[in-house]
PDB file of all heavy atoms in Angstrom:
ATOM      1  N   PHE A   1      14.596  34.932 102.575  1.00  0.00           N
ATOM      2  CA  PHE A   1      15.350  33.835 103.186  1.00  0.00           C
ATOM      3  C   PHE A   1      16.842  34.166 103.136  1.00  0.00           C
ATOM      4  O   PHE A   1      17.483  34.365 104.156  1.00  0.00           O
ATOM      5  CB  PHE A   1      15.063  32.505 102.494  1.00  0.00           C
ATOM      6  CG  PHE A   1      15.668  31.323 103.219  1.00  0.00           C
ATOM      7  CD1 PHE A   1      14.984  30.727 104.260  1.00  0.00           C
ATOM      8  CD2 PHE A   1      16.928  30.842 102.896  1.00  0.00           C
ATOM      9  CE1 PHE A   1      15.543  29.654 104.968  1.00  0.00           C
ATOM     10  CE2 PHE A   1      17.502  29.772 103.584  1.00  0.00           C
ATOM     11  CZ  PHE A   1      16.801  29.182 104.622  1.00  0.00           C
ATOM     12  N   GLN A   2      17.392  34.267 101.939  1.00  0.00           N
ATOM     13  CA  GLN A   2      18.823  34.543 101.816  1.00  0.00           C
ATOM     14  C   GLN A   2      19.225  35.858 102.474  1.00  0.00           C
ATOM     15  O   GLN A   2      20.295  35.966 103.071  1.00  0.00           O
ATOM     16  CB  GLN A   2      19.223  34.570 100.336  1.00  0.00           C
ATOM     17  CG  GLN A   2      19.263  33.212  99.667  1.00  0.00           C
ATOM     18  CD  GLN A   2      19.751  33.328  98.231  1.00  0.00           C
ATOM     19  OE1 GLN A   2      19.520  34.332  97.566  1.00  0.00           O
ATOM     20  NE2 GLN A   2      20.418  32.301  97.749  1.00  0.00           N
ATOM     21  N   SER A   3      18.382  36.887 102.351  1.00  0.00           N
ATOM     22  CA  SER A   3      18.765  38.214 102.836  1.00  0.00           C
ATOM     23  C   SER A   3      19.060  38.236 104.329  1.00  0.00           C
ATOM     24  O   SER A   3      19.906  39.009 104.787  1.00  0.00           O
ATOM     25  CB  SER A   3      17.663  39.235 102.518  1.00  0.00           C
ATOM     26  OG  SER A   3      16.489  38.948 103.256  1.00  0.00           O
ATOM     27  N   LEU A   4      18.370  37.391 105.097  1.00  0.00           N
ATOM     28  CA  LEU A   4      18.619  37.379 106.537  1.00  0.00           C
ATOM     29  C   LEU A   4      20.041  36.918 106.842  1.00  0.00           C
ATOM     30  O   LEU A   4      20.679  37.418 107.780  1.00  0.00           O
ATOM     31  CB  LEU A   4      17.595  36.489 107.243  1.00  0.00           C
ATOM     32  CG  LEU A   4      16.153  37.001 107.214  1.00  0.00           C
ATOM     33  CD1 LEU A   4      15.225  36.052 107.944  1.00  0.00           C
ATOM     34  CD2 LEU A   4      16.044  38.384 107.819  1.00  0.00           C
ATOM     35  N   TYR A   5      20.546  35.968 106.062  1.00  0.00           N
ATOM     36  CA  TYR A   5      21.903  35.474 106.269  1.00  0.00           C
ATOM     37  C   TYR A   5      22.930  36.407 105.645  1.00  0.00           C
ATOM     38  O   TYR A   5      24.024  36.601 106.185  1.00  0.00           O
ATOM     39  CB  TYR A   5      22.049  34.072 105.671  1.00  0.00           C
ATOM     40  CG  TYR A   5      21.097  33.068 106.282  1.00  0.00           C
ATOM     41  CD1 TYR A   5      19.923  32.716 105.620  1.00  0.00           C
ATOM     42  CD2 TYR A   5      21.342  32.506 107.525  1.00  0.00           C
ATOM     43  CE1 TYR A   5      19.033  31.811 106.178  1.00  0.00           C
ATOM     44  CE2 TYR A   5      20.462  31.608 108.097  1.00  0.00           C
ATOM     45  CZ  TYR A   5      19.303  31.266 107.411  1.00  0.00           C
ATOM     46  OH  TYR A   5      18.415  30.382 107.971  1.00  0.00           O
ATOM     47  N   PHE A   6      22.598  36.994 104.496  1.00  0.00           N
ATOM     48  CA  PHE A   6      23.560  37.820 103.759  1.00  0.00           C
ATOM     49  C   PHE A   6      23.726  39.212 104.365  1.00  0.00           C
ATOM     50  O   PHE A   6      24.816  39.777 104.332  1.00  0.00           O
ATOM     51  CB  PHE A   6      23.123  37.974 102.304  1.00  0.00           C
ATOM     52  CG  PHE A   6      23.167  36.706 101.496  1.00  0.00           C
ATOM     53  CD1 PHE A   6      22.743  36.708 100.172  1.00  0.00           C
ATOM     54  CD2 PHE A   6      23.630  35.517 102.035  1.00  0.00           C
ATOM     55  CE1 PHE A   6      22.781  35.555  99.413  1.00  0.00           C
ATOM     56  CE2 PHE A   6      23.662  34.349 101.284  1.00  0.00           C
ATOM     57  CZ  PHE A   6      23.234  34.366  99.962  1.00  0.00           C
ATOM     58  N   TYR A   7      22.621  39.790 104.885  1.00  0.00           N
ATOM     59  CA  TYR A   7      22.648  41.201 105.251  1.00  0.00           C
ATOM     60  C   TYR A   7      22.201  41.507 106.682  1.00  0.00           C
ATOM     61  O   TYR A   7      22.558  42.542 107.225  1.00  0.00           O
ATOM     62  CB  TYR A   7      21.741  42.008 104.306  1.00  0.00           C
ATOM     63  CG  TYR A   7      22.028  41.816 102.849  1.00  0.00           C
ATOM     64  CD1 TYR A   7      21.095  41.219 101.999  1.00  0.00           C
ATOM     65  CD2 TYR A   7      23.239  42.234 102.296  1.00  0.00           C
ATOM     66  CE1 TYR A   7      21.354  41.054 100.645  1.00  0.00           C
ATOM     67  CE2 TYR A   7      23.505  42.065 100.946  1.00  0.00           C
ATOM     68  CZ  TYR A   7      22.554  41.468 100.116  1.00  0.00           C
ATOM     69  OH  TYR A   7      22.822  41.299  98.792  1.00  0.00           O
ATOM     70  N   CYS A   8      21.381  40.644 107.271  1.00  0.00           N
ATOM     71  CA  CYS A   8      20.697  41.014 108.523  1.00  0.00           C
ATOM     72  C   CYS A   8      21.251  40.353 109.775  1.00  0.00           C
ATOM     73  O   CYS A   8      20.747  40.594 110.873  1.00  0.00           O
ATOM     74  CB  CYS A   8      19.202  40.691 108.409  1.00  0.00           C
ATOM     75  SG  CYS A   8      18.377  41.528 107.044  1.00  0.00           S
ATOM     76  N   GLN A   9      22.231  39.473 109.626  1.00  0.00           N
ATOM     77  CA  GLN A   9      22.834  38.771 110.768  1.00  0.00           C
ATOM     78  C   GLN A   9      21.794  37.947 111.535  1.00  0.00           C
ATOM     79  O   GLN A   9      21.876  37.802 112.748  1.00  0.00           O
ATOM     80  CB  GLN A   9      23.511  39.788 111.705  1.00  0.00           C
ATOM     81  CG  GLN A   9      24.586  40.620 111.042  1.00  0.00           C
ATOM     82  CD  GLN A   9      25.177  41.668 111.951  1.00  0.00           C
ATOM     83  OE1 GLN A   9      24.462  42.254 112.765  1.00  0.00           O
ATOM     84  NE2 GLN A   9      26.468  41.927 111.829  1.00  0.00           N
ATOM     85  N   GLU A  10      20.825  37.392 110.807  1.00  0.00           N
ATOM     86  CA  GLU A  10      19.750  36.636 111.437  1.00  0.00           C
ATOM     87  C   GLU A  10      19.538  35.303 110.739  1.00  0.00           C
ATOM     88  O   GLU A  10      19.944  35.099 109.592  1.00  0.00           O
ATOM     89  CB  GLU A  10      18.436  37.436 111.396  1.00  0.00           C
ATOM     90  CG  GLU A  10      18.421  38.662 112.281  1.00  0.00           C
ATOM     91  CD  GLU A  10      17.040  39.293 112.358  1.00  0.00           C
ATOM     92  OE1 GLU A  10      16.098  38.763 111.745  1.00  0.00           O
ATOM     93  OE2 GLU A  10      16.908  40.328 113.019  1.00  0.00           O
ATOM     94  N   ASP A  11      18.848  34.414 111.449  1.00  0.00           N
ATOM     95  CA  ASP A  11      18.494  33.100 110.928  1.00  0.00           C
ATOM     96  C   ASP A  11      17.029  33.112 110.498  1.00  0.00           C
ATOM     97  O   ASP A  11      16.147  33.487 111.271  1.00  0.00           O
ATOM     98  CB  ASP A  11      18.727  32.034 112.001  1.00  0.00           C
ATOM     99  CG  ASP A  11      18.377  30.644 111.503  1.00  0.00           C
ATOM    100  OD1 ASP A  11      19.242  30.001 110.898  1.00  0.00           O
ATOM    101  OD2 ASP A  11      17.221  30.214 111.713  1.00  0.00           O
ATOM    102  N   ALA A  12      16.769  32.689 109.263  1.00  0.00           N
ATOM    103  CA  ALA A  12      15.410  32.741 108.723  1.00  0.00           C
ATOM    104  C   ALA A  12      14.461  31.800 109.452  1.00  0.00           C
ATOM    105  O   ALA A  12      13.261  32.098 109.595  1.00  0.00           O
ATOM    106  CB  ALA A  12      15.425  32.416 107.233  1.00  0.00           C
ATOM    107  N   PHE A  13      14.965  30.672 109.898  1.00  0.00           N
ATOM    108  CA  PHE A  13      14.094  29.735 110.618  1.00  0.00           C
ATOM    109  C   PHE A  13      13.686  30.312 111.975  1.00  0.00           C
ATOM    110  O   PHE A  13      12.541  30.151 112.409  1.00  0.00           O
ATOM    111  CB  PHE A  13      14.792  28.383 110.782  1.00  0.00           C
ATOM    112  CG  PHE A  13      15.015  27.659 109.480  1.00  0.00           C
ATOM    113  CD1 PHE A  13      16.289  27.458 108.987  1.00  0.00           C
ATOM    114  CD2 PHE A  13      13.937  27.195 108.746  1.00  0.00           C
ATOM    115  CE1 PHE A  13      16.493  26.799 107.788  1.00  0.00           C
ATOM    116  CE2 PHE A  13      14.124  26.528 107.540  1.00  0.00           C
ATOM    117  CZ  PHE A  13      15.409  26.342 107.058  1.00  0.00           C
ATOM    118  N   GLU A  14      14.605  31.000 112.628  1.00  0.00           N
ATOM    119  CA  GLU A  14      14.253  31.648 113.892  1.00  0.00           C
ATOM    120  C   GLU A  14      13.231  32.759 113.663  1.00  0.00           C
ATOM    121  O   GLU A  14      12.343  32.986 114.492  1.00  0.00           O
ATOM    122  CB  GLU A  14      15.514  32.204 114.550  1.00  0.00           C
ATOM    123  CG  GLU A  14      16.474  31.129 115.037  1.00  0.00           C
ATOM    124  CD  GLU A  14      17.740  31.701 115.641  1.00  0.00           C
ATOM    125  OE1 GLU A  14      17.842  32.952 115.720  1.00  0.00           O
ATOM    126  OE2 GLU A  14      18.630  30.920 116.019  1.00  0.00           O
ATOM    127  N   MET A  15      13.337  33.466 112.533  1.00  0.00           N
ATOM    128  CA  MET A  15      12.361  34.497 112.199  1.00  0.00           C
ATOM    129  C   MET A  15      10.970  33.891 112.036  1.00  0.00           C
ATOM    130  O   MET A  15       9.974  34.418 112.553  1.00  0.00           O
ATOM    131  CB  MET A  15      12.785  35.220 110.920  1.00  0.00           C
ATOM    132  CG  MET A  15      11.847  36.360 110.484  1.00  0.00           C
ATOM    133  SD  MET A  15      10.438  35.809 109.449  1.00  0.00           S
ATOM    134  CE  MET A  15      11.297  35.273 107.962  1.00  0.00           C
ATOM    135  N   MET A  16      10.881  32.764 111.324  1.00  0.00           N
ATOM    136  CA  MET A  16       9.579  32.120 111.126  1.00  0.00           C
ATOM    137  C   MET A  16       8.990  31.643 112.451  1.00  0.00           C
ATOM    138  O   MET A  16       7.789  31.793 112.706  1.00  0.00           O
ATOM    139  CB  MET A  16       9.709  30.964 110.126  1.00  0.00           C
ATOM    140  CG  MET A  16       9.930  31.429 108.692  1.00  0.00           C
ATOM    141  SD  MET A  16       9.928  30.068 107.489  1.00  0.00           S
ATOM    142  CE  MET A  16      11.621  29.510 107.618  1.00  0.00           C
ATOM    143  N   ASP A  17       9.841  31.075 113.298  1.00  0.00           N
ATOM    144  CA  ASP A  17       9.375  30.628 114.624  1.00  0.00           C
ATOM    145  C   ASP A  17       8.823  31.805 115.425  1.00  0.00           C
ATOM    146  O   ASP A  17       7.776  31.697 116.078  1.00  0.00           O
ATOM    147  CB  ASP A  17      10.533  29.989 115.402  1.00  0.00           C
ATOM    148  CG  ASP A  17      10.968  28.656 114.825  1.00  0.00           C
ATOM    149  OD1 ASP A  17      10.154  28.021 114.123  1.00  0.00           O
ATOM    150  OD2 ASP A  17      12.117  28.246 115.089  1.00  0.00           O
ATOM    151  N   ALA A  18       9.524  32.928 115.391  1.00  0.00           N
ATOM    152  CA  ALA A  18       9.095  34.106 116.141  1.00  0.00           C
ATOM    153  C   ALA A  18       7.753  34.624 115.638  1.00  0.00           C
ATOM    154  O   ALA A  18       6.882  35.018 116.429  1.00  0.00           O
ATOM    155  CB  ALA A  18      10.156  35.198 116.043  1.00  0.00           C
ATOM    156  N   CYS A  19       7.570  34.615 114.329  1.00  0.00           N
ATOM    157  CA  CYS A  19       6.290  35.077 113.759  1.00  0.00           C
ATOM    158  C   CYS A  19       5.137  34.170 114.195  1.00  0.00           C
ATOM    159  O   CYS A  19       4.055  34.664 114.544  1.00  0.00           O
ATOM    160  CB  CYS A  19       6.382  35.128 112.239  1.00  0.00           C
ATOM    161  SG  CYS A  19       7.431  36.452 111.607  1.00  0.00           S
ATOM    162  N   ARG A  20       5.376  32.877 114.205  1.00  0.00           N
ATOM    163  CA  ARG A  20       4.309  31.959 114.631  1.00  0.00           C
ATOM    164  C   ARG A  20       3.965  32.181 116.099  1.00  0.00           C
ATOM    165  O   ARG A  20       2.781  32.162 116.478  1.00  0.00           O
ATOM    166  CB  ARG A  20       4.728  30.512 114.367  1.00  0.00           C
ATOM    167  CG  ARG A  20       3.749  29.453 114.864  1.00  0.00           C
ATOM    168  CD  ARG A  20       2.331  29.683 114.335  1.00  0.00           C
ATOM    169  NE  ARG A  20       2.224  29.427 112.902  1.00  0.00           N
ATOM    170  CZ  ARG A  20       1.153  29.733 112.169  1.00  0.00           C
ATOM    171  NH1 ARG A  20       0.116  30.362 112.746  1.00  0.00           N
ATOM    172  NH2 ARG A  20       1.115  29.489 110.882  1.00  0.00           N
ATOM    173  N   ARG A  21       4.962  32.393 116.921  1.00  0.00           N
ATOM    174  CA  ARG A  21       4.684  32.641 118.339  1.00  0.00           C
ATOM    175  C   ARG A  21       3.823  33.893 118.517  1.00  0.00           C
ATOM    176  O   ARG A  21       2.920  33.926 119.353  1.00  0.00           O
ATOM    177  CB  ARG A  21       5.990  32.789 119.124  1.00  0.00           C
ATOM    178  CG  ARG A  21       6.742  31.490 119.343  1.00  0.00           C
ATOM    179  CD  ARG A  21       7.834  31.664 120.395  1.00  0.00           C
ATOM    180  NE  ARG A  21       8.838  32.644 120.012  1.00  0.00           N
ATOM    181  CZ  ARG A  21       9.948  32.347 119.332  1.00  0.00           C
ATOM    182  NH1 ARG A  21      10.183  31.091 118.965  1.00  0.00           N
ATOM    183  NH2 ARG A  21      10.826  33.303 119.039  1.00  0.00           N
ATOM    184  N   VAL A  22       4.079  34.910 117.735  1.00  0.00           N
ATOM    185  CA  VAL A  22       3.366  36.181 117.865  1.00  0.00           C
ATOM    186  C   VAL A  22       1.921  36.066 117.401  1.00  0.00           C
ATOM    187  O   VAL A  22       1.002  36.594 118.045  1.00  0.00           O
ATOM    188  CB  VAL A  22       4.105  37.290 117.079  1.00  0.00           C
ATOM    189  CG1 VAL A  22       3.195  38.508 116.868  1.00  0.00           C
ATOM    190  CG2 VAL A  22       5.359  37.713 117.824  1.00  0.00           C
ATOM    191  N   VAL A  23       1.665  35.374 116.292  1.00  0.00           N
ATOM    192  CA  VAL A  23       0.311  35.364 115.720  1.00  0.00           C
ATOM    193  C   VAL A  23      -0.572  34.262 116.295  1.00  0.00           C
ATOM    194  O   VAL A  23      -1.795  34.302 116.124  1.00  0.00           O
ATOM    195  CB  VAL A  23       0.364  35.242 114.180  1.00  0.00           C
ATOM    196  CG1 VAL A  23       1.195  36.358 113.577  1.00  0.00           C
ATOM    197  CG2 VAL A  23       0.890  33.865 113.740  1.00  0.00           C
ATOM    198  N   GLY A  24       0.010  33.270 116.953  1.00  0.00           N
ATOM    199  CA  GLY A  24      -0.788  32.173 117.466  1.00  0.00           C
ATOM    200  C   GLY A  24      -0.982  31.072 116.445  1.00  0.00           C
ATOM    201  O   GLY A  24      -0.493  31.158 115.318  1.00  0.00           O
TER     202      GLY A  24
END
């Protein structure tokens, strides 16, 4: 969770949404 904001320039909630879209 924290690492996406601290190091990856990404939002963790958007990551979770993307994973759900991919797996169904």
